């Protein structure tokens, strides 16, 4: 990664995004801008969770977790397919 990231900073980002996502869902009827933001939040959450899983796997197998990279949306969004 270009910047130093820790599991805690990733979890903090996940928490912040999840709170924003929850607030948008609670609002109910969203305008186009809010719908676009919600979609972006979901992608960012998928990327963050993926990065955290990569870091944990690297650590488990004796590798440097800082070598994990954020994967592009086209990759993390296709995991469920």
PDB file of N, CA and C in Angstrom:
ATOM      1  N   UNK A   1       0.832  -1.190   0.000  1.00  0.00           N
ATOM      2  CA  UNK A   1       0.000   0.000   0.000  1.00  0.00           C
ATOM      3  C   UNK A   1       0.869   1.243   0.000  1.00  0.00           C
ATOM      4  N   UNK A   2       0.316   2.301  -0.531  1.00  0.00           N
ATOM      5  CA  UNK A   2       1.052   3.562  -0.592  1.00  0.00           C
ATOM      6  C   UNK A   2       1.151   4.211   0.792  1.00  0.00           C
ATOM      7  N   UNK A   3       0.132   4.024   1.624  1.00  0.00           N
ATOM      8  CA  UNK A   3       0.167   4.596   2.964  1.00  0.00           C
ATOM      9  C   UNK A   3       0.128   3.463   3.974  1.00  0.00           C
ATOM     10  N   UNK A   4       0.644   3.735   5.173  1.00  0.00           N
ATOM     11  CA  UNK A   4       0.630   2.716   6.216  1.00  0.00           C
ATOM     12  C   UNK A   4      -0.792   2.558   6.747  1.00  0.00           C
ATOM     13  N   UNK A   5      -1.268   1.337   6.732  1.00  0.00           N
ATOM     14  CA  UNK A   5      -2.617   1.022   7.182  1.00  0.00           C
ATOM     15  C   UNK A   5      -2.524  -0.034   8.273  1.00  0.00           C
ATOM     16  N   UNK A   6      -3.381   0.077   9.251  1.00  0.00           N
ATOM     17  CA  UNK A   6      -3.451  -0.931  10.303  1.00  0.00           C
ATOM     18  C   UNK A   6      -4.837  -1.545  10.297  1.00  0.00           C
ATOM     19  N   UNK A   7      -4.962  -2.691  10.938  1.00  0.00           N
ATOM     20  CA  UNK A   7      -6.276  -3.311  11.063  1.00  0.00           C
ATOM     21  C   UNK A   7      -7.239  -2.353  11.765  1.00  0.00           C
ATOM     22  N   UNK A   8      -6.727  -1.652  12.780  1.00  0.00           N
ATOM     23  CA  UNK A   8      -7.573  -0.726  13.530  1.00  0.00           C
ATOM     24  C   UNK A   8      -8.059   0.427  12.660  1.00  0.00           C
ATOM     25  N   UNK A   9      -7.198   0.949  11.798  1.00  0.00           N
ATOM     26  CA  UNK A   9      -7.636   2.051  10.938  1.00  0.00           C
ATOM     27  C   UNK A   9      -8.674   1.569   9.925  1.00  0.00           C
ATOM     28  N   UNK A  10      -8.522   0.342   9.460  1.00  0.00           N
ATOM     29  CA  UNK A  10      -9.503  -0.221   8.530  1.00  0.00           C
ATOM     30  C   UNK A  10     -10.832  -0.425   9.246  1.00  0.00           C
ATOM     31  N   UNK A  11     -10.775  -0.964  10.450  1.00  0.00           N
ATOM     32  CA  UNK A  11     -12.006  -1.155  11.222  1.00  0.00           C
ATOM     33  C   UNK A  11     -12.678   0.183  11.528  1.00  0.00           C
ATOM     34  N   UNK A  12     -11.883   1.205  11.779  1.00  0.00           N
ATOM     35  CA  UNK A  12     -12.437   2.542  12.005  1.00  0.00           C
ATOM     36  C   UNK A  12     -13.148   3.065  10.767  1.00  0.00           C
ATOM     37  N   UNK A  13     -12.544   2.843   9.604  1.00  0.00           N
ATOM     38  CA  UNK A  13     -13.164   3.265   8.346  1.00  0.00           C
ATOM     39  C   UNK A  13     -14.455   2.495   8.096  1.00  0.00           C
ATOM     40  N   UNK A  14     -14.435   1.198   8.388  1.00  0.00           N
ATOM     41  CA  UNK A  14     -15.637   0.372   8.231  1.00  0.00           C
ATOM     42  C   UNK A  14     -16.751   0.896   9.134  1.00  0.00           C
ATOM     43  N   UNK A  15     -16.413   1.208  10.377  1.00  0.00           N
ATOM     44  CA  UNK A  15     -17.408   1.717  11.315  1.00  0.00           C
ATOM     45  C   UNK A  15     -18.007   3.029  10.826  1.00  0.00           C
ATOM     46  N   UNK A  16     -17.164   3.933  10.357  1.00  0.00           N
ATOM     47  CA  UNK A  16     -17.631   5.227   9.862  1.00  0.00           C
ATOM     48  C   UNK A  16     -18.556   5.057   8.652  1.00  0.00           C
ATOM     49  N   UNK A  17     -18.145   4.201   7.709  1.00  0.00           N
ATOM     50  CA  UNK A  17     -18.969   3.950   6.520  1.00  0.00           C
ATOM     51  C   UNK A  17     -20.292   3.290   6.888  1.00  0.00           C
ATOM     52  N   UNK A  18     -20.240   2.338   7.815  1.00  0.00           N
ATOM     53  CA  UNK A  18     -21.463   1.637   8.224  1.00  0.00           C
ATOM     54  C   UNK A  18     -22.448   2.601   8.884  1.00  0.00           C
ATOM     55  N   UNK A  19     -21.943   3.538   9.668  1.00  0.00           N
ATOM     56  CA  UNK A  19     -22.823   4.525  10.303  1.00  0.00           C
ATOM     57  C   UNK A  19     -23.464   5.432   9.251  1.00  0.00           C
ATOM     58  N   UNK A  20     -22.677   5.841   8.262  1.00  0.00           N
ATOM     59  CA  UNK A  20     -23.222   6.671   7.194  1.00  0.00           C
ATOM     60  C   UNK A  20     -24.268   5.893   6.387  1.00  0.00           C
ATOM     61  N   UNK A  21     -23.965   4.630   6.108  1.00  0.00           N
ATOM     62  CA  UNK A  21     -24.896   3.774   5.380  1.00  0.00           C
ATOM     63  C   UNK A  21     -26.209   3.646   6.163  1.00  0.00           C
ATOM     64  N   UNK A  22     -26.101   3.400   7.443  1.00  0.00           N
ATOM     65  CA  UNK A  22     -27.274   3.236   8.300  1.00  0.00           C
ATOM     66  C   UNK A  22     -28.120   4.516   8.302  1.00  0.00           C
ATOM     67  N   UNK A  23     -27.460   5.661   8.388  1.00  0.00           N
ATOM     68  CA  UNK A  23     -28.185   6.937   8.394  1.00  0.00           C
ATOM     69  C   UNK A  23     -28.951   7.139   7.084  1.00  0.00           C
ATOM     70  N   UNK A  24     -28.351   6.753   5.978  1.00  0.00           N
ATOM     71  CA  UNK A  24     -29.038   6.881   4.699  1.00  0.00           C
ATOM     72  C   UNK A  24     -30.236   5.930   4.623  1.00  0.00           C
ATOM     73  N   UNK A  25     -30.050   4.698   5.089  1.00  0.00           N
ATOM     74  CA  UNK A  25     -31.173   3.749   5.073  1.00  0.00           C
ATOM     75  C   UNK A  25     -32.308   4.239   5.968  1.00  0.00           C
ATOM     76  N   UNK A  26     -31.958   4.819   7.110  1.00  0.00           N
ATOM     77  CA  UNK A  26     -32.986   5.325   8.027  1.00  0.00           C
ATOM     78  C   UNK A  26     -33.771   6.482   7.418  1.00  0.00           C
ATOM     79  N   UNK A  27     -33.110   7.259   6.586  1.00  0.00           N
ATOM     80  CA  UNK A  27     -33.757   8.408   5.961  1.00  0.00           C
ATOM     81  C   UNK A  27     -34.925   7.973   5.083  1.00  0.00           C
ATOM     82  N   UNK A  28     -34.750   6.837   4.440  1.00  0.00           N
ATOM     83  CA  UNK A  28     -35.845   6.321   3.616  1.00  0.00           C
ATOM     84  C   UNK A  28     -35.747   6.752   2.171  1.00  0.00           C
ATOM     85  N   UNK A  29     -36.594   7.671   1.772  1.00  0.00           N
ATOM     86  CA  UNK A  29     -36.678   8.105   0.379  1.00  0.00           C
ATOM     87  C   UNK A  29     -35.446   8.937   0.020  1.00  0.00           C
ATOM     88  N   UNK A  30     -34.553   8.357  -0.780  1.00  0.00           N
ATOM     89  CA  UNK A  30     -33.296   9.014  -1.109  1.00  0.00           C
ATOM     90  C   UNK A  30     -33.360   9.688  -2.473  1.00  0.00           C
ATOM     91  N   UNK A  31     -32.678  10.834  -2.578  1.00  0.00           N
ATOM     92  CA  UNK A  31     -32.561  11.471  -3.885  1.00  0.00           C
ATOM     93  C   UNK A  31     -31.442  10.773  -4.670  1.00  0.00           C
ATOM     94  N   UNK A  32     -31.246  11.163  -5.900  1.00  0.00           N
ATOM     95  CA  UNK A  32     -30.256  10.503  -6.764  1.00  0.00           C
ATOM     96  C   UNK A  32     -28.845  10.595  -6.199  1.00  0.00           C
ATOM     97  N   UNK A  33     -28.497  11.742  -5.634  1.00  0.00           N
ATOM     98  CA  UNK A  33     -27.165  11.920  -5.051  1.00  0.00           C
ATOM     99  C   UNK A  33     -26.951  10.976  -3.872  1.00  0.00           C
ATOM    100  N   UNK A  34     -27.965  10.839  -3.041  1.00  0.00           N
ATOM    101  CA  UNK A  34     -27.876   9.952  -1.879  1.00  0.00           C
ATOM    102  C   UNK A  34     -27.812   8.485  -2.303  1.00  0.00           C
ATOM    103  N   UNK A  35     -28.558   8.137  -3.344  1.00  0.00           N
ATOM    104  CA  UNK A  35     -28.508   6.770  -3.862  1.00  0.00           C
ATOM    105  C   UNK A  35     -27.116   6.450  -4.398  1.00  0.00           C
ATOM    106  N   UNK A  36     -26.522   7.406  -5.092  1.00  0.00           N
ATOM    107  CA  UNK A  36     -25.167   7.215  -5.613  1.00  0.00           C
ATOM    108  C   UNK A  36     -24.173   7.082  -4.468  1.00  0.00           C
ATOM    109  N   UNK A  37     -24.350   7.892  -3.422  1.00  0.00           N
ATOM    110  CA  UNK A  37     -23.452   7.806  -2.260  1.00  0.00           C
ATOM    111  C   UNK A  37     -23.603   6.451  -1.579  1.00  0.00           C
ATOM    112  N   UNK A  38     -24.819   5.964  -1.453  1.00  0.00           N
ATOM    113  CA  UNK A  38     -25.061   4.659  -0.833  1.00  0.00           C
ATOM    114  C   UNK A  38     -24.368   3.555  -1.621  1.00  0.00           C
ATOM    115  N   UNK A  39     -24.453   3.634  -2.931  1.00  0.00           N
ATOM    116  CA  UNK A  39     -23.781   2.636  -3.770  1.00  0.00           C
ATOM    117  C   UNK A  39     -22.265   2.699  -3.571  1.00  0.00           C
ATOM    118  N   UNK A  40     -21.732   3.910  -3.503  1.00  0.00           N
ATOM    119  CA  UNK A  40     -20.289   4.079  -3.294  1.00  0.00           C
ATOM    120  C   UNK A  40     -19.871   3.548  -1.917  1.00  0.00           C
ATOM    121  N   UNK A  41     -20.684   3.818  -0.906  1.00  0.00           N
ATOM    122  CA  UNK A  41     -20.400   3.315   0.437  1.00  0.00           C
ATOM    123  C   UNK A  41     -20.330   1.796   0.420  1.00  0.00           C
ATOM    124  N   UNK A  42     -21.270   1.145  -0.261  1.00  0.00           N
ATOM    125  CA  UNK A  42     -21.281  -0.318  -0.307  1.00  0.00           C
ATOM    126  C   UNK A  42     -20.018  -0.868  -0.961  1.00  0.00           C
ATOM    127  N   UNK A  43     -19.544  -0.212  -2.013  1.00  0.00           N
ATOM    128  CA  UNK A  43     -18.307  -0.639  -2.665  1.00  0.00           C
ATOM    129  C   UNK A  43     -17.123  -0.435  -1.719  1.00  0.00           C
ATOM    130  N   UNK A  44     -17.075   0.726  -1.068  1.00  0.00           N
ATOM    131  CA  UNK A  44     -15.975   1.013  -0.145  1.00  0.00           C
ATOM    132  C   UNK A  44     -15.965   0.039   1.029  1.00  0.00           C
ATOM    133  N   UNK A  45     -17.149  -0.329   1.512  1.00  0.00           N
ATOM    134  CA  UNK A  45     -17.219  -1.323   2.594  1.00  0.00           C
ATOM    135  C   UNK A  45     -16.680  -2.675   2.120  1.00  0.00           C
ATOM    136  N   UNK A  46     -17.075  -3.087   0.923  1.00  0.00           N
ATOM    137  CA  UNK A  46     -16.570  -4.354   0.384  1.00  0.00           C
ATOM    138  C   UNK A  46     -15.049  -4.318   0.252  1.00  0.00           C
ATOM    139  N   UNK A  47     -14.519  -3.192  -0.214  1.00  0.00           N
ATOM    140  CA  UNK A  47     -13.067  -3.066  -0.360  1.00  0.00           C
ATOM    141  C   UNK A  47     -12.374  -3.107   0.996  1.00  0.00           C
ATOM    142  N   UNK A  48     -12.949  -2.443   1.980  1.00  0.00           N
ATOM    143  CA  UNK A  48     -12.338  -2.412   3.311  1.00  0.00           C
ATOM    144  C   UNK A  48     -12.341  -3.794   3.955  1.00  0.00           C
ATOM    145  N   UNK A  49     -13.477  -4.486   3.882  1.00  0.00           N
ATOM    146  CA  UNK A  49     -13.541  -5.839   4.440  1.00  0.00           C
ATOM    147  C   UNK A  49     -12.565  -6.772   3.722  1.00  0.00           C
ATOM    148  N   UNK A  50     -12.460  -6.637   2.412  1.00  0.00           N
ATOM    149  CA  UNK A  50     -11.526  -7.453   1.646  1.00  0.00           C
ATOM    150  C   UNK A  50     -10.093  -7.168   2.073  1.00  0.00           C
ATOM    151  N   UNK A  51      -9.752  -5.900   2.239  1.00  0.00           N
ATOM    152  CA  UNK A  51      -8.398  -5.539   2.664  1.00  0.00           C
ATOM    153  C   UNK A  51      -8.099  -6.110   4.046  1.00  0.00           C
ATOM    154  N   UNK A  52      -9.054  -6.028   4.945  1.00  0.00           N
ATOM    155  CA  UNK A  52      -8.864  -6.578   6.286  1.00  0.00           C
ATOM    156  C   UNK A  52      -8.651  -8.092   6.223  1.00  0.00           C
ATOM    157  N   UNK A  53      -9.432  -8.787   5.399  1.00  0.00           N
ATOM    158  CA  UNK A  53      -9.253 -10.249   5.249  1.00  0.00           C
ATOM    159  C   UNK A  53      -7.882 -10.577   4.658  1.00  0.00           C
ATOM    160  N   UNK A  54      -7.447  -9.782   3.677  1.00  0.00           N
ATOM    161  CA  UNK A  54      -6.117  -9.997   3.091  1.00  0.00           C
ATOM    162  C   UNK A  54      -5.029  -9.848   4.152  1.00  0.00           C
ATOM    163  N   UNK A  55      -5.132  -8.785   4.948  1.00  0.00           N
ATOM    164  CA  UNK A  55      -4.117  -8.527   5.984  1.00  0.00           C
ATOM    165  C   UNK A  55      -4.075  -9.675   6.996  1.00  0.00           C
ATOM    166  N   UNK A  56      -5.234 -10.139   7.406  1.00  0.00           N
ATOM    167  CA  UNK A  56      -5.290 -11.232   8.386  1.00  0.00           C
ATOM    168  C   UNK A  56      -4.719 -12.519   7.796  1.00  0.00           C
ATOM    169  N   UNK A  57      -5.011 -12.790   6.540  1.00  0.00           N
ATOM    170  CA  UNK A  57      -4.486 -13.998   5.892  1.00  0.00           C
ATOM    171  C   UNK A  57      -2.971 -13.916   5.761  1.00  0.00           C
ATOM    172  N   UNK A  58      -2.462 -12.769   5.348  1.00  0.00           N
ATOM    173  CA  UNK A  58      -1.010 -12.617   5.218  1.00  0.00           C
ATOM    174  C   UNK A  58      -0.329 -12.817   6.569  1.00  0.00           C
ATOM    175  N   UNK A  59      -0.902 -12.238   7.600  1.00  0.00           N
ATOM    176  CA  UNK A  59      -0.333 -12.381   8.943  1.00  0.00           C
ATOM    177  C   UNK A  59      -0.349 -13.849   9.374  1.00  0.00           C
ATOM    178  N   UNK A  60      -1.452 -14.534   9.107  1.00  0.00           N
ATOM    179  CA  UNK A  60      -1.592 -15.942   9.494  1.00  0.00           C
ATOM    180  C   UNK A  60      -0.529 -16.815   8.836  1.00  0.00           C
ATOM    181  N   UNK A  61      -0.144 -16.463   7.624  1.00  0.00           N
ATOM    182  CA  UNK A  61       0.826 -17.277   6.897  1.00  0.00           C
ATOM    183  C   UNK A  61       2.230 -16.681   6.910  1.00  0.00           C
ATOM    184  N   UNK A  62       2.491 -15.825   7.895  1.00  0.00           N
ATOM    185  CA  UNK A  62       3.831 -15.318   8.109  1.00  0.00           C
ATOM    186  C   UNK A  62       4.298 -14.263   7.121  1.00  0.00           C
ATOM    187  N   UNK A  63       3.366 -13.667   6.414  1.00  0.00           N
ATOM    188  CA  UNK A  63       3.711 -12.617   5.458  1.00  0.00           C
ATOM    189  C   UNK A  63       3.429 -11.242   6.064  1.00  0.00           C
ATOM    190  N   UNK A  64       3.929 -10.225   5.426  1.00  0.00           N
ATOM    191  CA  UNK A  64       3.745  -8.851   5.890  1.00  0.00           C
ATOM    192  C   UNK A  64       2.348  -8.353   5.512  1.00  0.00           C
ATOM    193  N   UNK A  65       1.504  -8.062   6.499  1.00  0.00           N
ATOM    194  CA  UNK A  65       0.153  -7.595   6.187  1.00  0.00           C
ATOM    195  C   UNK A  65       0.141  -6.252   5.453  1.00  0.00           C
ATOM    196  N   UNK A  66       1.211  -5.477   5.580  1.00  0.00           N
ATOM    197  CA  UNK A  66       1.271  -4.191   4.884  1.00  0.00           C
ATOM    198  C   UNK A  66       1.446  -4.350   3.379  1.00  0.00           C
ATOM    199  N   UNK A  67       1.662  -5.571   2.920  1.00  0.00           N
ATOM    200  CA  UNK A  67       1.755  -5.824   1.480  1.00  0.00           C
ATOM    201  C   UNK A  67       0.374  -6.010   0.842  1.00  0.00           C
ATOM    202  N   UNK A  68      -0.667  -6.052   1.652  1.00  0.00           N
ATOM    203  CA  UNK A  68      -2.033  -6.167   1.137  1.00  0.00           C
ATOM    204  C   UNK A  68      -2.416  -4.858   0.454  1.00  0.00           C
ATOM    205  N   UNK A  69      -3.165  -4.950  -0.611  1.00  0.00           N
ATOM    206  CA  UNK A  69      -3.602  -3.768  -1.358  1.00  0.00           C
ATOM    207  C   UNK A  69      -5.112  -3.754  -1.510  1.00  0.00           C
ATOM    208  N   UNK A  70      -5.646  -2.558  -1.613  1.00  0.00           N
ATOM    209  CA  UNK A  70      -7.077  -2.408  -1.890  1.00  0.00           C
ATOM    210  C   UNK A  70      -7.323  -2.878  -3.313  1.00  0.00           C
ATOM    211  N   UNK A  71      -8.260  -3.793  -3.452  1.00  0.00           N
ATOM    212  CA  UNK A  71      -8.590  -4.309  -4.782  1.00  0.00           C
ATOM    213  C   UNK A  71      -9.635  -3.416  -5.436  1.00  0.00           C
ATOM    214  N   UNK A  72      -9.625  -3.351  -6.763  1.00  0.00           N
ATOM    215  CA  UNK A  72     -10.593  -2.494  -7.457  1.00  0.00           C
ATOM    216  C   UNK A  72     -12.025  -2.996  -7.280  1.00  0.00           C
ATOM    217  N   UNK A  73     -12.986  -2.066  -7.396  1.00  0.00           N
ATOM    218  CA  UNK A  73     -14.402  -2.448  -7.235  1.00  0.00           C
ATOM    219  C   UNK A  73     -14.819  -3.611  -8.123  1.00  0.00           C
ATOM    220  N   UNK A  74     -14.331  -3.668  -9.356  1.00  0.00           N
ATOM    221  CA  UNK A  74     -14.757  -4.731 -10.273  1.00  0.00           C
ATOM    222  C   UNK A  74     -14.395  -6.108  -9.735  1.00  0.00           C
ATOM    223  N   UNK A  75     -13.397  -6.187  -8.875  1.00  0.00           N
ATOM    224  CA  UNK A  75     -13.005  -7.476  -8.288  1.00  0.00           C
ATOM    225  C   UNK A  75     -13.837  -7.768  -7.040  1.00  0.00           C
ATOM    226  N   UNK A  76     -13.874  -6.845  -6.096  1.00  0.00           N
ATOM    227  CA  UNK A  76     -14.583  -7.136  -4.847  1.00  0.00           C
ATOM    228  C   UNK A  76     -16.086  -7.225  -5.041  1.00  0.00           C
ATOM    229  N   UNK A  77     -16.615  -6.560  -6.033  1.00  0.00           N
ATOM    230  CA  UNK A  77     -18.051  -6.618  -6.278  1.00  0.00           C
ATOM    231  C   UNK A  77     -18.475  -7.916  -6.956  1.00  0.00           C
ATOM    232  N   UNK A  78     -17.543  -8.667  -7.494  1.00  0.00           N
ATOM    233  CA  UNK A  78     -17.881  -9.915  -8.166  1.00  0.00           C
ATOM    234  C   UNK A  78     -17.646 -11.147  -7.294  1.00  0.00           C
ATOM    235  N   UNK A  79     -17.272 -10.971  -6.037  1.00  0.00           N
ATOM    236  CA  UNK A  79     -17.047 -12.118  -5.160  1.00  0.00           C
ATOM    237  C   UNK A  79     -18.297 -12.941  -4.961  1.00  0.00           C
ATOM    238  N   UNK A  80     -19.457 -12.286  -4.907  1.00  0.00           N
ATOM    239  CA  UNK A  80     -20.698 -12.999  -4.619  1.00  0.00           C
ATOM    240  C   UNK A  80     -21.231 -13.753  -5.829  1.00  0.00           C
ATOM    241  N   UNK A  81     -20.759 -13.430  -7.020  1.00  0.00           N
ATOM    242  CA  UNK A  81     -21.283 -14.067  -8.229  1.00  0.00           C
ATOM    243  C   UNK A  81     -20.724 -15.440  -8.438  1.00  0.00           C
TER     244      UNK A  81
END
